[in-house]
Amino acid sequence: MPALNEIQIRDPFVLHVPEEDRYHLFGSTDADIWRGPATGFDTYWSTDLAQWHGPIPAFRPASDFWSHTQYWAPEVHRYDGAYYMFATFTAEGRRRGTQVLRADRAAGPYTPWSEGPLTPRDWECLDGTLHVEDGTPYMVFCHEWKDVGDGEIRALELTPDLRGSVDGSQLLFTASEAPWARPLDRPGSTAYVTDGPFLHRTADGRLLMLWSSMGEGGYALGVATSESGGVRGPWRQAPEPLWPQDGGHGMVFRDGSGRLWLTLHQPNRTPEERARFIEVEEAPGGLALR
């Protein structure tokens, strides 16, 4: 059984399934997610968040699957009696986007559910996450800086079966709106990155969004708060990042005792990236490390 620090993984996502008394860990698990043929997504499970069983194949593409490289950021959400994976794929001659997969069990195996990506087909997009508000499902996703310069986070209403979208997406905010965000560290670059949105409803009803960009210390994670309490915002950015240096693409989950944990990958370099668990608490300004 590997310990957490023995598992190479980016973009970690934890799903707690109480009736199984298990935590399921998903993420970008290919040894090199940046190039070459992709294997798929693996998952691990644990009862104590320390020792993990796996890897277990969660998704392996069929020979006719449209993408065979750069499999990124799988998230698994329990919805309407099943488990849905939102994952990012790309292919030569195709734009990167987030597709929905489905399984009857948390560990999978997952098979394609939507007909290709649900993000706009003529945009470079990634990191779609599911948010359900008043019974309506939304995908919140990133429209990449490669298209727009100032990376965007957008919301797209989905059909109730998660197989399609209802209408066009709405811009929620751009990366440069966060006081802590900095341009890509490239000569002459003015591009701002958006990465890894995840939404969290606090005990007192506030809607928070975790998301990542580049900060003063490199890859970083910040928090925004919806001033309306709904996904359409407007969104107010925290002045400082929650995690300021060399770590990001995070999400939060509660353990069996109700404690709230942030997981993110750190460091932000392959093949050294590992999932980290940091206890956090809900605070007036969003979230705070404990």
Protein backbone atom coordinates (compact mmCIF):
# COMPACT_ATOMS: atom_id res chain seq x y z
CA MET A 1 0.00 0.00 0.00
CA PRO A 2 1.67 3.27 -1.07
CA ALA A 3 1.79 6.27 1.20
CA LEU A 4 0.63 9.59 -0.17
CA ASN A 5 4.18 10.80 -0.75
CA GLU A 6 4.86 7.77 -2.95
CA ILE A 7 2.09 8.53 -5.47
CA GLN A 8 2.96 10.72 -8.44
CA ILE A 9 -0.18 12.75 -9.16
CA ARG A 10 -1.24 16.17 -10.38
CA ASP A 11 -4.58 17.93 -9.96
CA PRO A 12 -5.65 15.74 -7.00
CA PHE A 13 -9.35 15.25 -6.29
CA VAL A 14 -10.77 13.36 -3.29
CA LEU A 15 -14.27 11.90 -3.14
CA HIS A 16 -15.48 10.61 0.24
CA VAL A 17 -18.06 7.80 -0.04
CA PRO A 18 -19.41 7.37 3.53
CA GLU A 19 -21.27 4.10 2.94
CA GLU A 20 -18.02 2.52 1.73
CA ASP A 21 -16.03 4.20 4.52
CA ARG A 22 -13.55 5.07 1.78
CA TYR A 23 -11.84 8.07 0.25
CA HIS A 24 -11.16 7.86 -3.48
CA LEU A 25 -8.21 9.81 -4.89
CA PHE A 26 -8.23 10.82 -8.56
CA GLY A 27 -5.87 12.98 -10.59
CA SER A 28 -3.61 13.24 -13.61
CA THR A 29 -1.66 10.02 -13.12
CA ASP A 30 0.30 9.37 -16.32
CA ALA A 31 4.04 9.54 -15.71
CA ASP A 32 4.32 12.36 -18.26
CA ILE A 33 1.03 14.15 -18.86
CA TRP A 34 2.57 16.70 -21.22
CA ARG A 35 3.52 14.57 -24.21
CA GLY A 36 3.34 11.14 -25.76
CA PRO A 37 0.51 8.61 -25.69
CA ALA A 38 -1.77 8.65 -22.65
CA THR A 39 -2.54 5.53 -20.64
CA GLY A 40 -5.65 6.82 -18.86
CA PHE A 41 -6.57 7.70 -15.28
CA ASP A 42 -5.81 5.64 -12.18
CA THR A 43 -7.50 5.90 -8.80
CA TYR A 44 -6.51 5.00 -5.25
CA TRP A 45 -8.63 4.39 -2.16
CA SER A 46 -8.02 4.75 1.56
CA THR A 47 -9.87 4.56 4.86
CA ASP A 48 -7.50 6.88 6.75
CA LEU A 49 -6.07 9.32 4.14
CA ALA A 50 -2.58 7.98 4.90
CA GLN A 51 -2.24 4.51 3.37
CA TRP A 52 -3.65 4.00 -0.10
CA HIS A 53 -4.69 0.96 -2.12
CA GLY A 54 -3.98 1.01 -5.84
CA PRO A 55 -3.40 2.03 -8.49
CA ILE A 56 -6.72 0.87 -9.93
CA PRO A 57 -7.55 1.68 -13.58
CA ALA A 58 -10.43 4.18 -13.48
CA PHE A 59 -10.46 4.99 -17.21
CA ARG A 60 -8.81 3.36 -20.15
CA PRO A 61 -9.71 4.64 -23.62
CA ALA A 62 -11.19 2.38 -26.27
CA SER A 63 -9.20 2.16 -29.49
CA ASP A 64 -11.64 4.52 -31.21
CA PHE A 65 -11.66 7.17 -28.45
CA TRP A 66 -10.97 10.55 -30.03
CA SER A 67 -8.05 11.54 -27.75
CA HIS A 68 -4.86 9.61 -27.05
CA THR A 69 -2.66 12.23 -25.36
CA GLN A 70 -2.65 14.74 -22.49
CA TYR A 71 -5.31 13.35 -20.14
CA TRP A 72 -5.75 15.94 -17.38
CA ALA A 73 -7.58 16.79 -14.17
CA PRO A 74 -10.27 14.14 -13.64
CA GLU A 75 -12.88 15.07 -11.04
CA VAL A 76 -15.57 12.63 -9.87
CA HIS A 77 -18.93 13.85 -8.61
CA ARG A 78 -21.85 11.87 -7.26
CA TYR A 79 -24.98 12.96 -9.10
CA ASP A 80 -28.43 11.45 -9.63
CA GLY A 81 -27.46 7.99 -8.39
CA ALA A 82 -24.24 7.56 -10.38
CA TYR A 83 -20.66 8.84 -10.56
CA TYR A 84 -19.60 11.33 -13.21
CA MET A 85 -16.03 12.12 -14.17
CA PHE A 86 -15.24 15.53 -15.68
CA ALA A 87 -11.86 15.24 -17.43
CA THR A 88 -9.84 17.21 -19.96
CA PHE A 89 -8.63 15.74 -23.26
CA THR A 90 -7.03 16.92 -26.47
CA ALA A 91 -5.96 15.56 -29.86
CA GLU A 92 -4.07 16.74 -32.91
CA GLY A 93 -6.40 18.93 -34.95
CA ARG A 94 -8.88 19.22 -32.07
CA ARG A 95 -9.22 21.88 -29.37
CA ARG A 96 -8.69 20.88 -25.74
CA GLY A 97 -11.90 20.47 -23.74
CA THR A 98 -13.71 18.79 -20.85
CA GLN A 99 -15.79 15.68 -21.48
CA VAL A 100 -18.11 13.83 -19.08
CA LEU A 101 -17.67 10.11 -18.32
CA ARG A 102 -19.89 7.91 -16.15
CA ALA A 103 -19.65 4.87 -13.87
CA ASP A 104 -21.90 3.04 -11.43
CA ARG A 105 -19.13 2.79 -8.82
CA ALA A 106 -16.83 5.49 -7.51
CA ALA A 107 -13.70 3.57 -8.53
CA GLY A 108 -15.05 3.02 -12.04
CA PRO A 109 -14.42 1.90 -14.69
CA TYR A 110 -15.61 5.10 -16.40
CA THR A 111 -16.87 5.25 -19.97
CA PRO A 112 -17.67 8.29 -22.15
CA TRP A 113 -21.06 9.82 -21.38
CA SER A 114 -21.17 13.10 -23.31
CA GLU A 115 -20.51 13.10 -27.04
CA GLY A 116 -17.06 14.66 -26.85
CA PRO A 117 -16.24 17.76 -24.81
CA LEU A 118 -19.07 19.98 -23.52
CA THR A 119 -16.83 23.04 -23.55
CA PRO A 120 -17.05 25.10 -26.77
CA ARG A 121 -15.48 23.10 -29.60
CA ASP A 122 -13.66 26.09 -31.14
CA TRP A 123 -12.04 27.21 -27.85
CA GLU A 124 -9.05 25.94 -25.90
CA CYS A 125 -10.63 24.93 -22.57
CA LEU A 126 -9.75 22.81 -19.56
CA ASP A 127 -10.52 21.85 -15.97
CA GLY A 128 -14.30 21.67 -16.03
CA THR A 129 -15.93 21.09 -12.62
CA LEU A 130 -19.53 20.27 -11.71
CA HIS A 131 -21.57 22.67 -9.58
CA VAL A 132 -25.25 22.04 -8.83
CA GLU A 133 -27.32 25.04 -7.73
CA ASP A 134 -31.03 24.83 -6.91
CA GLY A 135 -31.15 21.55 -8.80
CA THR A 136 -29.53 22.98 -11.94
CA PRO A 137 -26.14 21.54 -12.99
CA TYR A 138 -23.40 23.84 -14.26
CA MET A 139 -19.92 23.23 -15.57
CA VAL A 140 -17.44 25.85 -14.44
CA PHE A 141 -14.34 25.76 -16.64
CA CYS A 142 -11.28 27.67 -17.84
CA HIS A 143 -11.07 29.36 -21.25
CA GLU A 144 -7.34 29.31 -21.80
CA TRP A 145 -4.95 32.24 -22.01
CA LYS A 146 -3.79 30.76 -25.33
CA ASP A 147 -7.04 32.03 -26.84
CA VAL A 148 -7.76 35.18 -24.86
CA GLY A 149 -4.50 36.33 -23.23
CA ASP A 150 -6.18 37.03 -19.89
CA GLY A 151 -7.42 33.57 -18.89
CA GLU A 152 -11.13 33.32 -18.13
CA ILE A 153 -13.30 31.28 -15.80
CA ARG A 154 -16.78 30.66 -17.22
CA ALA A 155 -20.00 28.87 -16.28
CA LEU A 156 -22.04 26.73 -18.65
CA GLU A 157 -25.50 25.42 -17.74
CA LEU A 158 -25.81 21.70 -18.47
CA THR A 159 -28.78 19.54 -19.32
CA PRO A 160 -30.10 17.52 -16.35
CA ASP A 161 -28.52 14.31 -17.72
CA LEU A 162 -25.08 15.99 -18.02
CA ARG A 163 -24.88 15.02 -21.68
CA GLY A 164 -25.23 18.47 -23.19
CA SER A 165 -25.38 22.21 -22.54
CA VAL A 166 -28.39 24.51 -22.45
CA ASP A 167 -26.98 27.73 -23.89
CA GLY A 168 -23.76 29.71 -24.20
CA SER A 169 -21.34 30.16 -21.32
CA GLN A 170 -21.14 33.21 -19.05
CA LEU A 171 -17.88 34.92 -18.11
CA LEU A 172 -17.42 34.90 -14.34
CA PHE A 173 -14.02 36.63 -14.09
CA THR A 174 -10.57 36.88 -15.64
CA ALA A 175 -7.29 35.97 -13.97
CA SER A 176 -5.95 39.53 -13.82
CA GLU A 177 -8.87 40.58 -11.60
CA ALA A 178 -7.14 38.84 -8.68
CA PRO A 179 -4.68 41.24 -6.99
CA TRP A 180 -2.28 38.36 -6.34
CA ALA A 181 -2.16 37.01 -9.91
CA ARG A 182 0.90 37.66 -12.08
CA PRO A 183 1.59 37.13 -15.81
CA LEU A 184 3.32 33.99 -17.02
CA ASP A 185 7.03 34.06 -16.28
CA ARG A 186 8.13 34.42 -19.89
CA PRO A 187 10.02 37.29 -21.51
CA GLY A 188 7.57 39.99 -22.51
CA SER A 189 4.56 37.89 -21.50
CA THR A 190 1.30 39.61 -20.58
CA ALA A 191 -0.72 36.38 -20.45
CA TYR A 192 -2.53 35.37 -17.25
CA VAL A 193 -3.40 31.75 -16.45
CA THR A 194 -6.65 30.38 -15.03
CA ASP A 195 -6.53 26.81 -13.77
CA GLY A 196 -8.46 24.27 -11.70
CA PRO A 197 -11.70 25.94 -10.48
CA PHE A 198 -13.59 24.19 -7.67
CA LEU A 199 -16.69 25.46 -5.86
CA HIS A 200 -17.46 25.07 -2.16
CA ARG A 201 -20.59 26.07 -0.24
CA THR A 202 -19.78 27.10 3.35
CA ALA A 203 -21.85 26.24 6.41
CA ASP A 204 -23.25 29.79 6.48
CA GLY A 205 -24.28 29.66 2.81
CA ARG A 206 -21.46 31.53 1.06
CA LEU A 207 -20.26 30.22 -2.31
CA LEU A 208 -16.47 30.09 -2.67
CA MET A 209 -14.34 29.21 -5.66
CA LEU A 210 -10.81 27.87 -5.41
CA TRP A 211 -8.72 28.43 -8.54
CA SER A 212 -5.06 28.68 -9.52
CA SER A 213 -2.80 31.02 -11.44
CA MET A 214 0.75 32.32 -11.23
CA GLY A 215 1.65 34.47 -8.21
CA GLU A 216 4.78 36.07 -6.81
CA GLY A 217 6.07 32.65 -5.74
CA GLY A 218 5.11 30.76 -8.89
CA TYR A 219 2.09 28.49 -9.17
CA ALA A 220 -0.44 29.49 -6.50
CA LEU A 221 -4.03 28.97 -5.34
CA GLY A 222 -6.53 31.68 -4.48
CA VAL A 223 -10.15 31.96 -3.36
CA ALA A 224 -12.99 34.07 -4.73
CA THR A 225 -16.39 34.69 -3.11
CA SER A 226 -19.69 35.12 -4.95
CA GLU A 227 -21.31 38.34 -3.76
CA SER A 228 -24.74 37.04 -4.79
CA GLY A 229 -24.24 33.60 -3.30
CA GLY A 230 -24.76 32.07 -6.76
CA VAL A 231 -22.51 30.79 -9.49
CA ARG A 232 -23.20 33.79 -11.73
CA GLY A 233 -21.56 36.11 -9.21
CA PRO A 234 -20.29 38.79 -9.26
CA TRP A 235 -17.09 37.32 -7.83
CA ARG A 236 -14.84 39.12 -5.33
CA GLN A 237 -11.21 38.02 -5.27
CA ALA A 238 -9.25 37.57 -2.05
CA PRO A 239 -6.31 40.01 -1.97
CA GLU A 240 -3.75 37.29 -1.20
CA PRO A 241 -3.53 33.65 -2.32
CA LEU A 242 -4.49 30.92 0.13
CA TRP A 243 -1.47 28.86 -1.02
CA PRO A 244 1.17 31.27 -2.35
CA GLN A 245 4.05 29.18 -3.65
CA ASP A 246 4.74 26.21 -5.95
CA GLY A 247 1.44 24.42 -5.44
CA GLY A 248 -2.10 24.56 -6.75
CA HIS A 249 -5.00 23.03 -8.65
CA GLY A 250 -6.78 22.32 -5.39
CA MET A 251 -10.14 21.32 -3.99
CA VAL A 252 -11.64 20.85 -0.53
CA PHE A 253 -13.42 17.90 1.04
CA ARG A 254 -14.69 16.87 4.47
CA ASP A 255 -13.49 13.76 6.23
CA GLY A 256 -15.69 11.40 8.22
CA SER A 257 -15.41 13.54 11.36
CA GLY A 258 -16.39 16.74 9.53
CA ARG A 259 -12.94 18.30 9.30
CA LEU A 260 -12.29 20.28 6.12
CA TRP A 261 -9.19 19.51 4.04
CA LEU A 262 -7.54 21.22 1.12
CA THR A 263 -5.70 18.99 -1.34
CA LEU A 264 -3.39 20.33 -4.05
CA HIS A 265 -0.30 19.14 -5.86
CA GLN A 266 3.16 20.31 -4.87
CA PRO A 267 5.77 20.84 -6.23
CA ASN A 268 4.56 21.95 -9.63
CA ARG A 269 7.10 19.99 -11.65
CA THR A 270 7.10 16.55 -13.24
CA PRO A 271 7.80 13.87 -12.04
CA GLU A 272 8.02 15.17 -8.47
CA GLU A 273 4.43 16.33 -7.99
CA ARG A 274 2.55 14.83 -5.04
CA ALA A 275 -0.83 15.40 -3.41
CA ARG A 276 -0.75 17.32 -0.14
CA PHE A 277 -3.54 17.45 2.45
CA ILE A 278 -3.76 20.62 4.55
CA GLU A 279 -6.50 21.17 7.12
CA VAL A 280 -8.41 24.40 6.51
CA GLU A 281 -11.36 26.21 8.07
CA GLU A 282 -14.07 28.46 6.78
CA ALA A 283 -13.25 32.08 7.58
CA PRO A 284 -14.95 35.47 7.00
CA GLY A 285 -12.69 36.12 4.00
CA GLY A 286 -13.13 32.65 2.51
CA LEU A 287 -10.82 29.90 3.79
CA ALA A 288 -7.87 29.87 6.18
CA LEU A 289 -5.12 27.33 6.76
CA ARG A 290 -5.23 25.71 10.22
